[in-house]
């Protein structure tokens, strides 16, 4: 199989595994994700900083409790909005915010004033830009390779982060069984790596050990 086929096969396998989770299992993951995600933010950025997160829905790792915990701890939280050409914009979350289905992806998006990625990263009006990035993933490996949903939105966003010269801490949220050994997640040079896995069971630092990206076999 070529790289795209490897990614699709692994993604389908993991989506099927997620769909098999009981609603109670998904709900029980929320507290651990919130606790460990908040601890990661505390360890990496100042209080009241601007951070990105996302709303996990369906069988995805639940993140609403994490968003609420971040907001309650004084952080400003941006959630993504899908834009044309697979770009991301952002809306600042607040309690009671409305959500609507995206025009461009099968996700729920916050409704509110839109902030461009460039403005979010650069900051403005005397406020600093994004200080840390919490993002979704379908799988991770211990080298930091990330398998997303297949749209490429976050790879483009992280490429913009790199282009602006920003060195931001990054963490992706997955279930405990979705962090695999080094090289197990198929990736190429366009796939951005992340530094930490946030799981219901804890935090796992991920290492980027080489510039050459290997395609691993699908984990069983």
N, C-alpha and C. Protein backbone atom coordinates (compact mmCIF):
# COMPACT_ATOMS: atom_id res chain seq x y z
N UNK A 1 0.84 -1.20 0.00
CA UNK A 1 0.00 0.00 0.00
C UNK A 1 0.87 1.25 0.00
N UNK A 2 0.39 2.31 -0.68
CA UNK A 2 1.12 3.56 -0.63
C UNK A 2 0.76 4.30 0.66
N UNK A 3 1.36 5.48 0.85
CA UNK A 3 1.20 6.19 2.12
C UNK A 3 -0.26 6.55 2.38
N UNK A 4 -0.95 7.06 1.36
CA UNK A 4 -2.35 7.44 1.54
C UNK A 4 -3.20 6.24 1.93
N UNK A 5 -2.93 5.09 1.31
CA UNK A 5 -3.69 3.88 1.64
C UNK A 5 -3.39 3.40 3.05
N UNK A 6 -2.13 3.50 3.47
CA UNK A 6 -1.77 3.13 4.84
C UNK A 6 -2.51 4.01 5.85
N UNK A 7 -2.53 5.31 5.58
CA UNK A 7 -3.23 6.22 6.47
C UNK A 7 -4.72 5.89 6.53
N UNK A 8 -5.33 5.68 5.37
CA UNK A 8 -6.76 5.40 5.32
C UNK A 8 -7.10 4.11 6.05
N UNK A 9 -6.26 3.09 5.88
CA UNK A 9 -6.52 1.81 6.53
C UNK A 9 -6.42 1.93 8.04
N UNK A 10 -5.40 2.62 8.52
CA UNK A 10 -5.24 2.80 9.96
C UNK A 10 -6.37 3.66 10.53
N UNK A 11 -6.72 4.71 9.80
CA UNK A 11 -7.81 5.58 10.25
C UNK A 11 -9.11 4.80 10.36
N UNK A 12 -9.42 3.99 9.34
CA UNK A 12 -10.66 3.20 9.36
C UNK A 12 -10.67 2.22 10.53
N UNK A 13 -9.52 1.60 10.77
CA UNK A 13 -9.42 0.64 11.88
C UNK A 13 -9.69 1.31 13.22
N UNK A 14 -9.12 2.49 13.41
CA UNK A 14 -9.27 3.18 14.69
C UNK A 14 -10.65 3.80 14.84
N UNK A 15 -11.21 4.29 13.76
CA UNK A 15 -12.58 4.80 13.83
C UNK A 15 -13.55 3.70 14.21
N UNK A 16 -13.35 2.52 13.65
CA UNK A 16 -14.22 1.39 14.00
C UNK A 16 -14.07 1.04 15.48
N UNK A 17 -12.84 1.08 15.97
CA UNK A 17 -12.61 0.81 17.38
C UNK A 17 -13.31 1.85 18.26
N UNK A 18 -13.24 3.10 17.85
CA UNK A 18 -13.91 4.15 18.63
C UNK A 18 -15.43 3.96 18.61
N UNK A 19 -15.97 3.59 17.47
CA UNK A 19 -17.42 3.40 17.37
C UNK A 19 -17.91 2.27 18.26
N UNK A 20 -17.02 1.35 18.61
CA UNK A 20 -17.42 0.23 19.45
C UNK A 20 -17.43 0.58 20.94
N UNK A 21 -16.96 1.77 21.29
CA UNK A 21 -16.91 2.16 22.70
C UNK A 21 -18.32 2.42 23.22
N UNK A 22 -18.56 1.99 24.44
CA UNK A 22 -19.83 2.29 25.10
C UNK A 22 -19.86 3.77 25.48
N UNK A 23 -21.07 4.32 25.50
CA UNK A 23 -21.21 5.73 25.87
C UNK A 23 -20.63 6.00 27.25
N UNK A 24 -20.77 5.03 28.15
CA UNK A 24 -20.23 5.21 29.51
C UNK A 24 -18.70 5.26 29.50
N UNK A 25 -18.07 4.50 28.60
CA UNK A 25 -16.61 4.52 28.50
C UNK A 25 -16.12 5.87 27.98
N UNK A 26 -16.84 6.41 27.00
CA UNK A 26 -16.47 7.72 26.46
C UNK A 26 -16.63 8.78 27.54
N UNK A 27 -17.76 8.75 28.24
CA UNK A 27 -18.01 9.75 29.28
C UNK A 27 -16.98 9.67 30.40
N UNK A 28 -16.56 8.46 30.74
CA UNK A 28 -15.62 8.30 31.85
C UNK A 28 -14.22 8.80 31.49
N UNK A 29 -13.94 8.98 30.20
CA UNK A 29 -12.63 9.49 29.78
C UNK A 29 -12.52 10.99 29.98
N UNK A 30 -13.65 11.68 30.14
CA UNK A 30 -13.64 13.14 30.14
C UNK A 30 -12.84 13.73 31.30
N UNK A 31 -13.00 13.17 32.49
CA UNK A 31 -12.34 13.75 33.67
C UNK A 31 -10.82 13.66 33.56
N UNK A 32 -10.31 12.50 33.13
CA UNK A 32 -8.87 12.34 32.99
C UNK A 32 -8.30 13.26 31.93
N UNK A 33 -9.00 13.38 30.80
CA UNK A 33 -8.54 14.28 29.74
C UNK A 33 -8.50 15.71 30.25
N UNK A 34 -9.54 16.11 30.99
CA UNK A 34 -9.56 17.47 31.53
C UNK A 34 -8.43 17.70 32.52
N UNK A 35 -8.23 16.77 33.43
CA UNK A 35 -7.19 16.93 34.45
C UNK A 35 -5.80 17.00 33.82
N UNK A 36 -5.52 16.06 32.92
CA UNK A 36 -4.17 15.99 32.35
C UNK A 36 -3.94 17.10 31.32
N UNK A 37 -4.97 17.44 30.56
CA UNK A 37 -4.83 18.55 29.61
C UNK A 37 -4.58 19.86 30.33
N UNK A 38 -5.30 20.10 31.42
CA UNK A 38 -5.09 21.32 32.19
C UNK A 38 -3.70 21.33 32.82
N UNK A 39 -3.25 20.19 33.32
CA UNK A 39 -1.90 20.11 33.90
C UNK A 39 -0.84 20.42 32.85
N UNK A 40 -1.06 19.93 31.62
CA UNK A 40 -0.09 20.21 30.55
C UNK A 40 -0.06 21.69 30.23
N UNK A 41 -1.22 22.33 30.15
CA UNK A 41 -1.25 23.76 29.90
C UNK A 41 -0.58 24.52 31.04
N UNK A 42 -0.89 24.18 32.28
CA UNK A 42 -0.27 24.84 33.43
C UNK A 42 1.26 24.76 33.35
N UNK A 43 1.77 23.62 32.90
CA UNK A 43 3.22 23.40 32.87
C UNK A 43 3.91 24.14 31.73
N UNK A 44 3.14 24.59 30.75
CA UNK A 44 3.77 25.11 29.53
C UNK A 44 3.52 26.58 29.24
N UNK A 45 2.45 27.15 29.78
CA UNK A 45 2.15 28.54 29.43
C UNK A 45 1.68 29.30 30.67
N UNK A 46 1.80 30.63 30.66
CA UNK A 46 1.35 31.42 31.81
C UNK A 46 -0.17 31.38 31.95
N UNK A 47 -0.63 31.60 33.15
CA UNK A 47 -2.07 31.68 33.37
C UNK A 47 -2.62 32.88 32.61
N UNK A 48 -3.83 32.74 32.13
CA UNK A 48 -4.55 33.71 31.31
C UNK A 48 -4.06 33.75 29.86
N UNK A 49 -3.17 32.84 29.48
CA UNK A 49 -2.69 32.78 28.10
C UNK A 49 -3.81 32.35 27.16
N UNK A 50 -3.57 32.58 25.87
CA UNK A 50 -4.49 32.16 24.82
C UNK A 50 -4.06 30.80 24.30
N UNK A 51 -4.97 29.84 24.29
CA UNK A 51 -4.64 28.48 23.83
C UNK A 51 -5.72 28.02 22.86
N UNK A 52 -5.37 27.07 22.00
CA UNK A 52 -6.37 26.46 21.14
C UNK A 52 -6.79 25.11 21.72
N UNK A 53 -8.03 24.76 21.47
CA UNK A 53 -8.55 23.44 21.81
C UNK A 53 -9.56 23.07 20.72
N UNK A 54 -10.34 22.05 20.95
CA UNK A 54 -11.37 21.65 19.98
C UNK A 54 -12.44 20.88 20.73
N UNK A 55 -13.61 20.76 20.13
CA UNK A 55 -14.72 20.04 20.76
C UNK A 55 -14.78 18.63 20.20
N UNK A 56 -14.48 17.63 21.04
CA UNK A 56 -14.63 16.24 20.64
C UNK A 56 -16.09 15.83 20.69
N UNK A 57 -16.58 15.21 19.64
CA UNK A 57 -17.99 14.82 19.58
C UNK A 57 -18.09 13.34 19.21
N UNK A 58 -19.28 12.77 19.43
CA UNK A 58 -19.50 11.37 19.09
C UNK A 58 -18.58 10.47 19.88
N UNK A 59 -17.87 9.60 19.17
CA UNK A 59 -16.96 8.66 19.82
C UNK A 59 -15.54 9.19 19.97
N UNK A 60 -15.32 10.46 19.60
CA UNK A 60 -14.01 11.06 19.80
C UNK A 60 -13.73 11.23 21.30
N UNK A 61 -12.46 11.33 21.68
CA UNK A 61 -12.17 11.64 23.08
C UNK A 61 -12.90 12.91 23.50
N UNK A 62 -13.64 12.88 24.60
CA UNK A 62 -14.45 14.04 24.99
C UNK A 62 -13.58 15.17 25.55
N UNK A 63 -13.82 16.38 25.08
CA UNK A 63 -12.97 17.50 25.48
C UNK A 63 -13.74 18.67 26.09
N UNK A 64 -15.06 18.59 26.17
CA UNK A 64 -15.81 19.73 26.71
C UNK A 64 -15.38 20.03 28.14
N UNK A 65 -15.18 18.99 28.96
CA UNK A 65 -14.75 19.23 30.35
C UNK A 65 -13.39 19.90 30.39
N UNK A 66 -12.50 19.57 29.45
CA UNK A 66 -11.20 20.22 29.37
C UNK A 66 -11.36 21.69 29.00
N UNK A 67 -12.19 21.98 28.01
CA UNK A 67 -12.43 23.36 27.61
C UNK A 67 -12.96 24.17 28.79
N UNK A 68 -13.93 23.59 29.50
CA UNK A 68 -14.50 24.28 30.66
C UNK A 68 -13.46 24.48 31.75
N UNK A 69 -12.59 23.48 31.96
CA UNK A 69 -11.55 23.60 32.98
C UNK A 69 -10.54 24.69 32.62
N UNK A 70 -10.17 24.76 31.36
CA UNK A 70 -9.24 25.80 30.91
C UNK A 70 -9.85 27.18 31.12
N UNK A 71 -11.08 27.34 30.71
CA UNK A 71 -11.75 28.62 30.88
C UNK A 71 -11.87 28.97 32.36
N UNK A 72 -12.24 27.99 33.17
CA UNK A 72 -12.38 28.23 34.59
C UNK A 72 -11.08 28.59 35.28
N UNK A 73 -9.95 28.13 34.71
CA UNK A 73 -8.64 28.44 35.28
C UNK A 73 -8.09 29.77 34.78
N UNK A 74 -8.85 30.47 33.94
CA UNK A 74 -8.44 31.79 33.49
C UNK A 74 -7.81 31.85 32.12
N UNK A 75 -7.74 30.73 31.42
CA UNK A 75 -7.19 30.74 30.07
C UNK A 75 -8.25 31.18 29.07
N UNK A 76 -7.82 31.84 28.01
CA UNK A 76 -8.70 32.13 26.87
C UNK A 76 -8.56 30.98 25.89
N UNK A 77 -9.68 30.45 25.43
CA UNK A 77 -9.68 29.23 24.63
C UNK A 77 -10.28 29.52 23.26
N UNK A 78 -9.51 29.21 22.22
CA UNK A 78 -9.99 29.32 20.84
C UNK A 78 -10.37 27.94 20.33
N UNK A 79 -11.51 27.85 19.66
CA UNK A 79 -11.94 26.62 19.00
C UNK A 79 -11.94 26.84 17.49
N UNK A 80 -11.68 25.79 16.71
CA UNK A 80 -11.48 25.96 15.27
C UNK A 80 -12.78 26.06 14.47
N UNK A 81 -12.65 26.77 13.35
CA UNK A 81 -13.70 26.86 12.34
C UNK A 81 -13.05 26.53 11.00
N UNK A 82 -13.62 25.59 10.25
CA UNK A 82 -13.06 25.20 8.96
C UNK A 82 -13.40 26.25 7.90
N UNK A 83 -12.40 26.64 7.14
CA UNK A 83 -12.54 27.64 6.10
C UNK A 83 -12.20 27.03 4.74
N UNK A 84 -12.48 27.74 3.64
CA UNK A 84 -12.10 27.22 2.32
C UNK A 84 -10.60 26.95 2.23
N UNK A 85 -10.24 26.08 1.29
CA UNK A 85 -8.85 25.70 1.04
C UNK A 85 -8.21 25.05 2.26
N UNK A 86 -9.06 24.39 3.07
CA UNK A 86 -8.60 23.61 4.22
C UNK A 86 -7.76 24.43 5.20
N UNK A 87 -8.21 25.66 5.40
CA UNK A 87 -7.59 26.53 6.39
C UNK A 87 -8.47 26.58 7.63
N UNK A 88 -7.90 27.03 8.74
CA UNK A 88 -8.63 27.16 9.99
C UNK A 88 -8.75 28.62 10.41
N UNK A 89 -9.94 29.00 10.87
CA UNK A 89 -10.14 30.22 11.62
C UNK A 89 -10.50 29.83 13.05
N UNK A 90 -10.76 30.82 13.90
CA UNK A 90 -10.94 30.54 15.32
C UNK A 90 -12.02 31.43 15.92
N UNK A 91 -12.73 30.88 16.89
CA UNK A 91 -13.72 31.63 17.67
C UNK A 91 -13.41 31.40 19.14
N UNK A 92 -13.45 32.46 19.93
CA UNK A 92 -13.16 32.30 21.36
C UNK A 92 -14.37 31.69 22.07
N UNK A 93 -14.10 30.63 22.85
CA UNK A 93 -15.16 29.91 23.56
C UNK A 93 -15.57 30.66 24.81
N UNK A 94 -16.85 30.59 25.12
CA UNK A 94 -17.37 31.07 26.40
C UNK A 94 -18.53 30.18 26.79
N UNK A 95 -18.86 30.08 28.06
CA UNK A 95 -19.99 29.24 28.47
C UNK A 95 -21.27 29.66 27.75
N UNK A 96 -22.01 28.68 27.26
CA UNK A 96 -23.26 28.95 26.58
C UNK A 96 -23.13 29.28 25.11
N UNK A 97 -21.93 29.25 24.56
CA UNK A 97 -21.73 29.55 23.15
C UNK A 97 -22.52 28.57 22.28
N UNK A 98 -23.04 29.07 21.16
CA UNK A 98 -23.77 28.21 20.23
C UNK A 98 -22.81 27.51 19.29
N UNK A 99 -23.25 26.33 18.81
CA UNK A 99 -22.49 25.58 17.81
C UNK A 99 -23.38 25.32 16.60
N UNK A 100 -22.76 25.24 15.44
CA UNK A 100 -23.49 24.93 14.21
C UNK A 100 -22.62 23.99 13.37
N UNK A 101 -23.26 23.22 12.51
CA UNK A 101 -22.51 22.30 11.66
C UNK A 101 -21.67 23.09 10.66
N UNK A 102 -20.44 22.64 10.48
CA UNK A 102 -19.53 23.28 9.54
C UNK A 102 -20.03 23.15 8.10
N UNK A 103 -19.72 24.15 7.30
CA UNK A 103 -20.01 24.08 5.87
C UNK A 103 -19.02 23.19 5.14
N UNK A 104 -17.85 22.95 5.75
CA UNK A 104 -16.76 22.31 5.02
C UNK A 104 -16.32 20.97 5.59
N UNK A 105 -16.76 20.60 6.78
CA UNK A 105 -16.33 19.34 7.40
C UNK A 105 -17.45 18.84 8.30
N UNK A 106 -17.47 17.54 8.58
CA UNK A 106 -18.53 16.96 9.42
C UNK A 106 -18.29 17.18 10.91
N UNK A 107 -18.22 18.45 11.30
CA UNK A 107 -17.94 18.80 12.69
C UNK A 107 -18.86 19.93 13.13
N UNK A 108 -18.99 20.10 14.44
CA UNK A 108 -19.71 21.22 15.02
C UNK A 108 -18.72 22.35 15.32
N UNK A 109 -19.10 23.57 14.95
CA UNK A 109 -18.20 24.71 15.12
C UNK A 109 -18.85 25.79 15.98
N UNK A 110 -18.04 26.53 16.73
CA UNK A 110 -18.58 27.62 17.54
C UNK A 110 -19.05 28.77 16.66
N UNK A 111 -20.06 29.47 17.12
CA UNK A 111 -20.61 30.61 16.41
C UNK A 111 -20.18 31.88 17.13
N UNK A 112 -19.49 32.78 16.41
CA UNK A 112 -19.04 34.01 17.03
C UNK A 112 -18.10 34.75 16.11
N UNK A 113 -17.54 35.87 16.57
CA UNK A 113 -16.59 36.63 15.75
C UNK A 113 -15.40 35.76 15.33
N UNK A 114 -15.10 35.77 14.04
CA UNK A 114 -14.05 34.91 13.50
C UNK A 114 -12.69 35.59 13.60
N UNK A 115 -11.71 34.83 14.07
CA UNK A 115 -10.33 35.29 14.17
C UNK A 115 -9.51 34.47 13.19
N UNK A 116 -8.74 35.13 12.33
CA UNK A 116 -7.89 34.39 11.40
C UNK A 116 -6.76 33.71 12.14
N UNK A 117 -6.19 32.67 11.52
CA UNK A 117 -5.06 31.99 12.15
C UNK A 117 -3.89 32.94 12.35
N UNK A 118 -3.65 33.81 11.37
CA UNK A 118 -2.53 34.74 11.51
C UNK A 118 -2.75 35.69 12.68
N UNK A 119 -3.96 36.22 12.81
CA UNK A 119 -4.24 37.12 13.94
C UNK A 119 -4.17 36.37 15.27
N UNK A 120 -4.65 35.13 15.28
CA UNK A 120 -4.59 34.33 16.51
C UNK A 120 -3.14 34.11 16.94
N UNK A 121 -2.28 33.86 15.97
CA UNK A 121 -0.88 33.57 16.29
C UNK A 121 -0.09 34.83 16.63
N UNK A 122 -0.38 35.92 15.95
CA UNK A 122 0.38 37.15 16.17
C UNK A 122 -0.14 37.94 17.37
N UNK A 123 -1.41 37.77 17.71
CA UNK A 123 -2.00 38.57 18.76
C UNK A 123 -2.34 39.96 18.26
N UNK A 124 -2.80 40.81 19.16
CA UNK A 124 -3.18 42.17 18.80
C UNK A 124 -3.87 42.85 19.94
N UNK A 125 -4.04 44.18 19.81
CA UNK A 125 -4.68 44.99 20.85
C UNK A 125 -3.99 44.79 22.20
N UNK A 126 -2.67 44.67 22.15
CA UNK A 126 -1.91 44.52 23.39
C UNK A 126 -1.94 43.14 23.99
N UNK A 127 -2.57 42.20 23.31
CA UNK A 127 -2.65 40.84 23.82
C UNK A 127 -1.73 39.93 23.02
N UNK A 128 -1.03 39.00 23.71
CA UNK A 128 -0.18 38.06 22.98
C UNK A 128 -1.01 37.05 22.21
N UNK A 129 -0.36 36.40 21.25
CA UNK A 129 -1.04 35.39 20.45
C UNK A 129 -1.09 34.04 21.15
N UNK A 130 -1.50 33.05 20.39
CA UNK A 130 -1.64 31.69 20.91
C UNK A 130 -0.33 31.23 21.54
N UNK A 131 -0.44 30.64 22.73
CA UNK A 131 0.74 30.19 23.46
C UNK A 131 0.91 28.68 23.46
N UNK A 132 -0.15 27.93 23.15
CA UNK A 132 -0.08 26.47 23.13
C UNK A 132 -1.22 25.95 22.27
N UNK A 133 -0.99 24.79 21.68
CA UNK A 133 -1.96 24.20 20.75
C UNK A 133 -2.37 22.81 21.25
N UNK A 134 -3.64 22.67 21.56
CA UNK A 134 -4.26 21.36 21.82
C UNK A 134 -5.05 20.99 20.58
N UNK A 135 -4.80 19.82 20.03
CA UNK A 135 -5.41 19.47 18.76
C UNK A 135 -5.88 18.02 18.75
N UNK A 136 -6.77 17.68 17.83
CA UNK A 136 -7.27 16.32 17.75
C UNK A 136 -6.30 15.40 17.02
N UNK A 137 -6.48 14.12 17.23
CA UNK A 137 -5.73 13.10 16.49
C UNK A 137 -6.53 11.81 16.50
N UNK A 138 -6.29 10.98 15.52
CA UNK A 138 -6.85 9.63 15.51
C UNK A 138 -5.85 8.64 16.10
N UNK A 139 -4.56 8.92 15.92
CA UNK A 139 -3.50 8.09 16.49
C UNK A 139 -2.24 8.93 16.58
N UNK A 140 -1.34 8.51 17.47
CA UNK A 140 -0.02 9.10 17.61
C UNK A 140 0.98 7.97 17.75
N UNK A 141 2.26 8.27 17.43
CA UNK A 141 3.29 7.32 17.83
C UNK A 141 4.31 8.04 18.70
N UNK A 142 5.21 7.30 19.28
CA UNK A 142 6.11 7.88 20.28
C UNK A 142 7.16 8.80 19.68
N UNK A 143 7.26 8.85 18.35
CA UNK A 143 8.10 9.85 17.69
C UNK A 143 7.36 11.16 17.48
N UNK A 144 6.07 11.21 17.83
CA UNK A 144 5.29 12.43 17.65
C UNK A 144 4.52 12.49 16.35
N UNK A 145 4.58 11.42 15.56
CA UNK A 145 3.80 11.42 14.32
C UNK A 145 2.31 11.34 14.66
N UNK A 146 1.53 12.11 13.93
CA UNK A 146 0.10 12.24 14.21
C UNK A 146 -0.71 11.84 12.99
N UNK A 147 -1.71 11.00 13.22
CA UNK A 147 -2.70 10.69 12.19
C UNK A 147 -3.95 11.50 12.52
N UNK A 148 -4.31 12.42 11.63
CA UNK A 148 -5.49 13.24 11.85
C UNK A 148 -6.73 12.62 11.24
N UNK A 149 -7.68 13.48 10.90
CA UNK A 149 -8.94 13.00 10.32
C UNK A 149 -8.88 12.91 8.81
N UNK A 150 -7.80 13.37 8.21
CA UNK A 150 -7.65 13.25 6.77
C UNK A 150 -7.86 14.54 6.00
N UNK A 151 -8.27 15.61 6.68
CA UNK A 151 -8.52 16.87 5.98
C UNK A 151 -7.30 17.73 5.79
N UNK A 152 -6.29 17.56 6.61
CA UNK A 152 -5.08 18.36 6.51
C UNK A 152 -5.17 19.75 7.11
N UNK A 153 -6.28 20.06 7.78
CA UNK A 153 -6.44 21.41 8.34
C UNK A 153 -5.35 21.75 9.35
N UNK A 154 -5.10 20.84 10.27
CA UNK A 154 -4.13 21.15 11.32
C UNK A 154 -2.70 21.11 10.81
N UNK A 155 -2.39 20.27 9.84
CA UNK A 155 -1.06 20.29 9.26
C UNK A 155 -0.79 21.65 8.61
N UNK A 156 -1.79 22.21 7.95
CA UNK A 156 -1.64 23.54 7.36
C UNK A 156 -1.49 24.60 8.44
N UNK A 157 -2.27 24.48 9.51
CA UNK A 157 -2.15 25.45 10.60
C UNK A 157 -0.77 25.38 11.25
N UNK A 158 -0.29 24.17 11.52
CA UNK A 158 1.02 24.03 12.15
C UNK A 158 2.14 24.48 11.21
N UNK A 159 1.93 24.32 9.90
CA UNK A 159 2.91 24.86 8.95
C UNK A 159 2.95 26.38 9.03
N UNK A 160 1.79 27.00 9.24
CA UNK A 160 1.76 28.46 9.40
C UNK A 160 2.47 28.87 10.69
N UNK A 161 2.28 28.08 11.75
CA UNK A 161 3.02 28.34 12.99
C UNK A 161 4.52 28.34 12.71
N UNK A 162 4.99 27.33 11.99
CA UNK A 162 6.41 27.24 11.66
C UNK A 162 6.86 28.43 10.82
N UNK A 163 6.02 28.83 9.84
CA UNK A 163 6.39 29.91 8.94
C UNK A 163 6.54 31.24 9.67
N UNK A 164 5.78 31.42 10.74
CA UNK A 164 5.89 32.64 11.54
C UNK A 164 7.02 32.58 12.56
N UNK A 165 7.72 31.45 12.60
CA UNK A 165 8.83 31.30 13.53
C UNK A 165 8.42 31.08 14.96
N UNK A 166 7.16 30.74 15.16
CA UNK A 166 6.68 30.48 16.53
C UNK A 166 7.06 29.07 16.96
N UNK A 167 7.51 28.93 18.18
CA UNK A 167 7.82 27.61 18.74
C UNK A 167 6.82 27.35 19.86
N UNK A 168 5.70 26.76 19.48
CA UNK A 168 4.61 26.57 20.43
C UNK A 168 4.56 25.13 20.91
N UNK A 169 4.31 24.91 22.20
CA UNK A 169 4.07 23.54 22.67
C UNK A 169 2.79 23.00 22.05
N UNK A 170 2.83 21.74 21.65
CA UNK A 170 1.68 21.10 21.01
C UNK A 170 1.36 19.79 21.72
N UNK A 171 0.07 19.51 21.86
CA UNK A 171 -0.38 18.25 22.45
C UNK A 171 -1.64 17.81 21.73
N UNK A 172 -1.75 16.53 21.46
CA UNK A 172 -2.93 15.96 20.81
C UNK A 172 -3.64 15.04 21.79
N UNK A 173 -4.97 15.01 21.69
CA UNK A 173 -5.81 14.24 22.60
C UNK A 173 -6.24 12.94 21.93
N UNK A 174 -5.93 11.82 22.57
CA UNK A 174 -6.32 10.49 22.08
C UNK A 174 -6.69 9.61 23.27
N UNK A 175 -7.27 8.46 22.97
CA UNK A 175 -7.49 7.46 24.02
C UNK A 175 -6.17 6.77 24.35
N UNK A 176 -6.14 6.10 25.49
CA UNK A 176 -4.90 5.48 25.96
C UNK A 176 -4.33 4.48 24.96
N UNK A 177 -5.17 3.73 24.28
CA UNK A 177 -4.68 2.72 23.36
C UNK A 177 -4.33 3.22 21.98
N UNK A 178 -4.31 4.54 21.79
CA UNK A 178 -4.06 5.10 20.47
C UNK A 178 -2.69 5.76 20.34
N UNK A 179 -1.78 5.46 21.28
CA UNK A 179 -0.39 5.89 21.18
C UNK A 179 0.45 4.65 20.90
N UNK A 180 1.09 4.62 19.73
CA UNK A 180 1.79 3.43 19.25
C UNK A 180 3.30 3.63 19.27
N UNK A 181 4.02 2.58 19.00
CA UNK A 181 5.48 2.62 19.01
C UNK A 181 6.00 3.48 17.86
N UNK A 182 7.26 3.90 17.99
CA UNK A 182 7.88 4.78 17.00
C UNK A 182 7.78 4.20 15.60
N UNK A 183 7.36 5.03 14.65
CA UNK A 183 7.27 4.62 13.27
C UNK A 183 5.98 3.94 12.89
N UNK A 184 5.09 3.70 13.85
CA UNK A 184 3.86 2.96 13.56
C UNK A 184 2.82 3.80 12.83
N UNK A 185 2.88 5.12 12.97
CA UNK A 185 1.94 5.99 12.27
C UNK A 185 2.56 6.44 10.95
N UNK A 186 1.94 6.10 9.82
CA UNK A 186 2.49 6.49 8.52
C UNK A 186 2.45 8.00 8.35
N UNK A 187 3.56 8.58 7.87
CA UNK A 187 3.64 10.03 7.74
C UNK A 187 4.69 10.38 6.70
N UNK A 188 4.59 11.61 6.18
CA UNK A 188 5.64 12.12 5.30
C UNK A 188 6.12 13.46 5.84
N UNK A 189 6.93 14.16 5.07
CA UNK A 189 7.55 15.38 5.57
C UNK A 189 6.56 16.53 5.74
N UNK A 190 5.39 16.43 5.15
CA UNK A 190 4.38 17.47 5.31
C UNK A 190 3.55 17.29 6.57
N UNK A 191 3.63 16.12 7.18
CA UNK A 191 2.85 15.83 8.39
C UNK A 191 3.59 16.38 9.61
N UNK A 192 2.98 17.34 10.29
CA UNK A 192 3.61 17.96 11.45
C UNK A 192 3.53 17.04 12.67
N UNK A 193 4.61 16.99 13.42
CA UNK A 193 4.63 16.19 14.64
C UNK A 193 4.16 17.00 15.84
N UNK A 194 3.77 16.29 16.88
CA UNK A 194 3.33 16.94 18.11
C UNK A 194 4.20 16.46 19.27
N UNK A 195 4.21 17.26 20.35
CA UNK A 195 5.15 17.00 21.43
C UNK A 195 4.64 16.15 22.56
N UNK A 196 3.31 16.07 22.73
CA UNK A 196 2.76 15.37 23.88
C UNK A 196 1.43 14.73 23.51
N UNK A 197 1.17 13.56 24.08
CA UNK A 197 -0.15 12.93 24.00
C UNK A 197 -0.88 13.18 25.31
N UNK A 198 -2.10 13.69 25.20
CA UNK A 198 -2.99 13.81 26.36
C UNK A 198 -4.00 12.67 26.27
N UNK A 199 -4.00 11.79 27.25
CA UNK A 199 -4.92 10.66 27.26
C UNK A 199 -5.69 10.65 28.58
N UNK A 200 -6.76 9.87 28.66
CA UNK A 200 -7.47 9.78 29.94
C UNK A 200 -6.58 9.32 31.08
N UNK A 201 -5.55 8.53 30.75
CA UNK A 201 -4.69 7.98 31.79
C UNK A 201 -3.49 8.81 32.15
N UNK A 202 -3.19 9.87 31.37
CA UNK A 202 -2.03 10.67 31.71
C UNK A 202 -1.46 11.40 30.51
N UNK A 203 -0.24 11.93 30.71
CA UNK A 203 0.49 12.64 29.67
C UNK A 203 1.65 11.78 29.20
N UNK A 204 1.89 11.76 27.88
CA UNK A 204 3.02 11.01 27.33
C UNK A 204 3.84 11.92 26.44
N UNK A 205 5.05 12.29 26.87
CA UNK A 205 5.92 13.08 26.00
C UNK A 205 6.27 12.27 24.75
N UNK A 206 6.28 12.95 23.63
CA UNK A 206 6.60 12.30 22.36
C UNK A 206 7.86 12.94 21.81
N UNK A 207 8.75 12.11 21.22
CA UNK A 207 10.02 12.61 20.76
C UNK A 207 10.11 12.64 19.25
N UNK A 208 10.78 13.66 18.73
CA UNK A 208 11.08 13.74 17.30
C UNK A 208 12.56 13.43 17.15
N UNK A 209 12.87 12.20 16.73
CA UNK A 209 14.25 11.73 16.79
C UNK A 209 14.99 11.81 15.47
N UNK A 210 14.29 12.09 14.37
CA UNK A 210 14.97 12.12 13.08
C UNK A 210 14.16 12.92 12.10
N UNK A 211 14.83 13.42 11.08
CA UNK A 211 14.12 14.16 10.03
C UNK A 211 13.52 13.23 9.00
N UNK A 212 14.07 12.04 8.84
CA UNK A 212 13.52 11.11 7.87
C UNK A 212 12.30 10.42 8.49
N UNK A 213 11.19 10.46 7.78
CA UNK A 213 9.94 9.93 8.29
C UNK A 213 9.70 8.57 7.67
N UNK A 214 9.48 7.59 8.52
CA UNK A 214 9.25 6.22 8.05
C UNK A 214 7.78 5.91 8.06
N UNK A 215 7.37 5.03 7.18
CA UNK A 215 6.00 4.53 7.18
C UNK A 215 5.98 3.20 7.90
N UNK A 216 5.21 3.13 8.98
CA UNK A 216 5.15 1.89 9.75
C UNK A 216 4.01 1.01 9.32
N UNK A 217 4.04 -0.22 9.75
CA UNK A 217 2.92 -1.12 9.51
C UNK A 217 1.75 -0.72 10.38
N UNK A 218 0.57 -1.08 9.96
CA UNK A 218 -0.63 -0.78 10.73
C UNK A 218 -0.59 -1.55 12.04
N UNK A 219 -0.71 -0.85 13.19
CA UNK A 219 -0.70 -1.55 14.47
C UNK A 219 -1.87 -2.52 14.56
N UNK A 220 -1.63 -3.63 15.19
CA UNK A 220 -2.69 -4.65 15.36
C UNK A 220 -3.16 -4.66 16.80
